Protein backbone atom coordinates (compact mmCIF):
# COMPACT_ATOMS: atom_id res chain seq x y z
CA MET A 1 -7.14 -102.95 -44.81
CA ILE A 2 -6.78 -99.35 -45.92
CA ARG A 3 -7.38 -98.21 -42.34
CA PHE A 4 -4.49 -100.25 -41.01
CA ALA A 5 -2.13 -99.31 -43.84
CA LEU A 6 -2.74 -95.58 -43.43
CA GLY A 7 -2.51 -95.72 -39.67
CA GLY A 8 0.68 -97.77 -39.73
CA THR A 9 2.32 -95.54 -42.32
CA ALA A 10 1.43 -92.39 -40.40
CA THR A 11 2.68 -93.88 -37.14
CA VAL A 12 6.03 -94.80 -38.71
CA PHE A 13 6.32 -91.31 -40.22
CA THR A 14 5.58 -89.59 -36.92
CA GLY A 15 8.02 -91.90 -35.18
CA LEU A 16 10.75 -90.84 -37.60
CA VAL A 17 9.89 -87.16 -37.12
CA ASN A 18 9.90 -87.61 -33.36
CA SER A 19 13.25 -89.42 -33.38
CA ARG A 20 14.79 -86.59 -35.44
CA TYR A 21 13.25 -83.66 -33.52
CA ARG A 22 12.77 -85.25 -30.11
CA ASP A 23 13.13 -82.09 -28.02
CA LEU A 24 10.94 -80.03 -30.32
CA THR A 25 8.00 -82.40 -30.76
CA GLY A 26 8.14 -84.40 -27.57
CA GLY A 27 5.80 -87.06 -28.91
CA LEU A 28 3.09 -84.52 -29.74
CA TYR A 29 2.38 -86.10 -33.12
CA HIS A 30 2.03 -89.72 -31.97
CA ALA A 31 -1.58 -89.38 -30.80
CA LEU A 32 -3.09 -88.27 -34.12
CA PRO A 33 -2.30 -91.26 -36.38
CA ALA A 34 -3.22 -93.73 -33.70
CA ILE A 35 -6.84 -92.65 -33.90
CA PHE A 36 -7.46 -90.32 -36.84
CA PHE A 37 -7.36 -92.63 -39.85
CA SER A 38 -9.41 -95.30 -38.18
CA SER A 39 -12.03 -92.87 -36.95
CA ALA A 40 -12.38 -91.07 -40.30
CA THR A 41 -12.94 -94.27 -42.27
CA LEU A 42 -15.25 -95.74 -39.63
CA ILE A 43 -17.36 -92.58 -39.49
CA GLU A 44 -17.73 -92.59 -43.26
CA LYS A 45 -18.67 -96.28 -43.31
CA HIS A 46 -21.18 -95.82 -40.48
CA GLU A 47 -22.92 -92.86 -42.15
CA ILE A 48 -23.15 -94.67 -45.50
CA ARG A 49 -24.69 -97.70 -43.81
CA ARG A 50 -27.23 -95.57 -41.92
CA LYS A 51 -28.36 -93.83 -45.09
CA ARG A 52 -28.59 -97.09 -47.06
CA GLU A 53 -30.76 -98.59 -44.33
CA ALA A 54 -33.09 -95.61 -44.83
CA GLY A 55 -33.17 -96.32 -48.59
CA LEU A 56 -30.90 -93.44 -49.63
CA ALA A 57 -27.47 -93.21 -51.22
CA GLY A 58 -25.16 -92.13 -48.44
CA GLU A 59 -21.76 -91.70 -50.09
CA ARG A 60 -21.81 -87.91 -49.98
CA ARG A 61 -23.13 -87.89 -46.40
CA GLY A 62 -20.32 -90.25 -45.36
CA GLN A 63 -17.70 -88.04 -46.97
CA MET A 64 -19.09 -84.95 -45.29
CA ALA A 65 -19.15 -86.62 -41.87
CA ALA A 66 -15.52 -87.69 -42.30
CA ALA A 67 -14.64 -84.14 -43.41
CA VAL A 68 -16.18 -82.68 -40.25
CA ASP A 69 -14.19 -85.16 -38.18
CA SER A 70 -11.02 -84.12 -40.03
CA ALA A 71 -11.68 -80.44 -39.39
CA CYS A 72 -12.20 -81.14 -35.70
CA ALA A 73 -8.95 -83.12 -35.58
CA ALA A 74 -7.11 -80.18 -37.16
CA LEU A 75 -8.58 -77.76 -34.61
CA GLY A 76 -7.65 -80.12 -31.81
CA ALA A 77 -4.08 -80.34 -33.13
CA LEU A 78 -3.87 -76.54 -33.20
CA GLY A 79 -5.13 -76.44 -29.63
CA MET A 80 -2.51 -78.96 -28.53
CA LEU A 81 0.18 -76.96 -30.32
CA ALA A 82 -0.93 -73.75 -28.60
CA PHE A 83 -0.87 -75.53 -25.25
CA ALA A 84 2.62 -76.85 -25.94
CA VAL A 85 3.90 -73.39 -26.90
CA VAL A 86 2.39 -71.69 -23.85
CA PHE A 87 3.51 -74.28 -21.29
CA ARG A 88 6.87 -75.27 -22.75
C-alpha cells in the first residue's frame, strides 16, 4: 500500500510541476516516480526475504540495497539532466 501511495503522490507532484514549467521540464520528471518508489521498496523486501531464508536478519541489508538503488537513480537523473541541457 505504501508503494502505491508514494508512487501516486510523486506522480501527481511531477504532473503539477510539469504543467507549470512545461517548456523547461518537458516531461523529464515523469519517468522517475513511475518506477523508483516501487523498485526501492521491492528491492528492500526481496533482500530481507533472501537473508531470512538463510537464517539471518536482513533489515540492514535490505536498507543498504535500496540505498544503492536510490544512488543509482540519482546518478541516472543527473545523466538525463546533462543530456537535456546539451541537446536542448
